[in-house]
C-alpha atoms as a PDB file:
ATOM      1  CA  MET A   1     150.229   5.097  74.460  1.00  0.00           C
ATOM      2  CA  ASP A   2     152.389   2.164  73.314  1.00  0.00           C
ATOM      3  CA  TYR A   3     153.874   2.742  69.865  1.00  0.00           C
ATOM      4  CA  ALA A   4     155.786  -0.562  69.700  1.00  0.00           C
ATOM      5  CA  ALA A   5     153.460  -1.902  66.997  1.00  0.00           C
ATOM      6  CA  VAL A   6     154.002   1.198  64.857  1.00  0.00           C
ATOM      7  CA  ASP A   7     157.776   0.887  65.275  1.00  0.00           C
ATOM      8  CA  THR A   8     157.623  -2.768  64.203  1.00  0.00           C
ATOM      9  CA  LEU A   9     155.538  -1.947  61.124  1.00  0.00           C
ATOM     10  CA  ARG A  10     157.911   0.844  60.125  1.00  0.00           C
ATOM     11  CA  GLU A  11     160.895  -1.505  60.351  1.00  0.00           C
ATOM     12  CA  ARG A  12     159.265  -4.320  58.378  1.00  0.00           C
ATOM     13  CA  HIS A  13     157.177  -2.347  55.882  1.00  0.00           C
ATOM     14  CA  PRO A  14     158.859   0.975  55.036  1.00  0.00           C
ATOM     15  CA  GLY A  15     156.345   1.646  52.232  1.00  0.00           C
ATOM     16  CA  LEU A  16     153.250   1.049  54.332  1.00  0.00           C
ATOM     17  CA  LEU A  17     150.176   3.192  53.640  1.00  0.00           C
ATOM     18  CA  VAL A  18     148.440   4.392  56.806  1.00  0.00           C
ATOM     19  CA  VAL A  19     144.942   5.894  56.662  1.00  0.00           C
ATOM     20  CA  THR A  20     143.745   8.045  59.545  1.00  0.00           C
ATOM     21  CA  PRO A  21     141.317  10.906  60.138  1.00  0.00           C
ATOM     22  CA  LEU A  22     142.929  14.353  60.015  1.00  0.00           C
ATOM     23  CA  GLN A  23     142.285  14.752  63.746  1.00  0.00           C
ATOM     24  CA  LYS A  24     144.607  11.781  64.419  1.00  0.00           C
ATOM     25  CA  VAL A  25     147.574  12.794  62.232  1.00  0.00           C
ATOM     26  CA  HIS A  26     149.505  13.630  65.411  1.00  0.00           C
ATOM     27  CA  VAL A  27     149.560   9.898  66.233  1.00  0.00           C
ATOM     28  CA  ILE A  28     151.388   8.919  63.024  1.00  0.00           C
ATOM     29  CA  GLU A  29     153.329  12.172  62.579  1.00  0.00           C
ATOM     30  CA  PRO A  30     156.585  10.896  64.158  1.00  0.00           C
ATOM     31  CA  TYR A  31     156.573   7.873  61.838  1.00  0.00           C
ATOM     32  CA  VAL A  32     155.907   9.328  58.375  1.00  0.00           C
ATOM     33  CA  LYS A  33     157.841  11.477  55.909  1.00  0.00           C
ATOM     34  CA  ALA A  34     154.875  12.596  53.822  1.00  0.00           C
ATOM     35  CA  ILE A  35     151.099  12.711  53.978  1.00  0.00           C
ATOM     36  CA  GLY A  36     148.222  13.005  51.556  1.00  0.00           C
ATOM     37  CA  ILE A  37     145.074  14.852  52.533  1.00  0.00           C
ATOM     38  CA  VAL A  38     141.835  14.083  50.686  1.00  0.00           C
ATOM     39  CA  ASP A  39     138.840  16.386  50.801  1.00  0.00           C
ATOM     40  CA  ASN A  40     135.629  16.905  48.858  1.00  0.00           C
ATOM     41  CA  PRO A  41     134.418  20.458  49.518  1.00  0.00           C
ATOM     42  CA  THR A  42     131.732  20.552  46.801  1.00  0.00           C
ATOM     43  CA  GLY A  43     130.478  16.992  47.141  1.00  0.00           C
ATOM     44  CA  GLN A  44     131.295  16.286  43.493  1.00  0.00           C
ATOM     45  CA  PHE A  45     135.028  15.661  43.146  1.00  0.00           C
ATOM     46  CA  SER A  46     137.606  14.600  45.691  1.00  0.00           C
ATOM     47  CA  ARG A  47     140.972  16.352  45.828  1.00  0.00           C
ATOM     48  CA  LEU A  48     144.296  14.911  46.977  1.00  0.00           C
ATOM     49  CA  GLN A  49     147.001  17.201  48.324  1.00  0.00           C
ATOM     50  CA  THR A  50     150.365  15.601  49.089  1.00  0.00           C
ATOM     51  CA  MET A  51     153.059  17.231  51.189  1.00  0.00           C
ATOM     52  CA  THR A  52     156.024  16.374  53.343  1.00  0.00           C
ATOM     53  CA  ILE A  53     155.397  16.178  57.055  1.00  0.00           C
ATOM     54  CA  GLU A  54     157.457  19.372  57.441  1.00  0.00           C
ATOM     55  CA  GLU A  55     155.178  21.188  54.964  1.00  0.00           C
ATOM     56  CA  TYR A  56     152.133  19.881  56.831  1.00  0.00           C
ATOM     57  CA  ARG A  57     153.495  21.157  60.152  1.00  0.00           C
ATOM     58  CA  ARG A  58     154.190  24.611  58.695  1.00  0.00           C
ATOM     59  CA  GLN A  59     150.695  24.771  57.195  1.00  0.00           C
ATOM     60  CA  ARG A  60     149.068  23.521  60.396  1.00  0.00           C
ATOM     61  CA  ASP A  61     150.997  26.002  62.526  1.00  0.00           C
ATOM     62  CA  GLY A  62     150.433  28.899  60.098  1.00  0.00           C
ATOM     63  CA  ARG A  63     154.132  29.389  59.393  1.00  0.00           C
ATOM     64  CA  ARG A  64     155.804  30.288  56.132  1.00  0.00           C
ATOM     65  CA  PRO A  65     158.490  28.068  54.535  1.00  0.00           C
END
């Protein structure tokens, strides 16, 4: 996969917001410092959880800090 476009965006727009499905986080992972995950488990209220990419990796891999 060619990531040249992502590299260009990162250089020109360091505060860019990228929205992707959770299954595709691995695509943007090398380019971001933090992520926000939104879910709505009850169907009533959405929740936003923010974390650094390092925290996300630990949580994903089941490791402790």
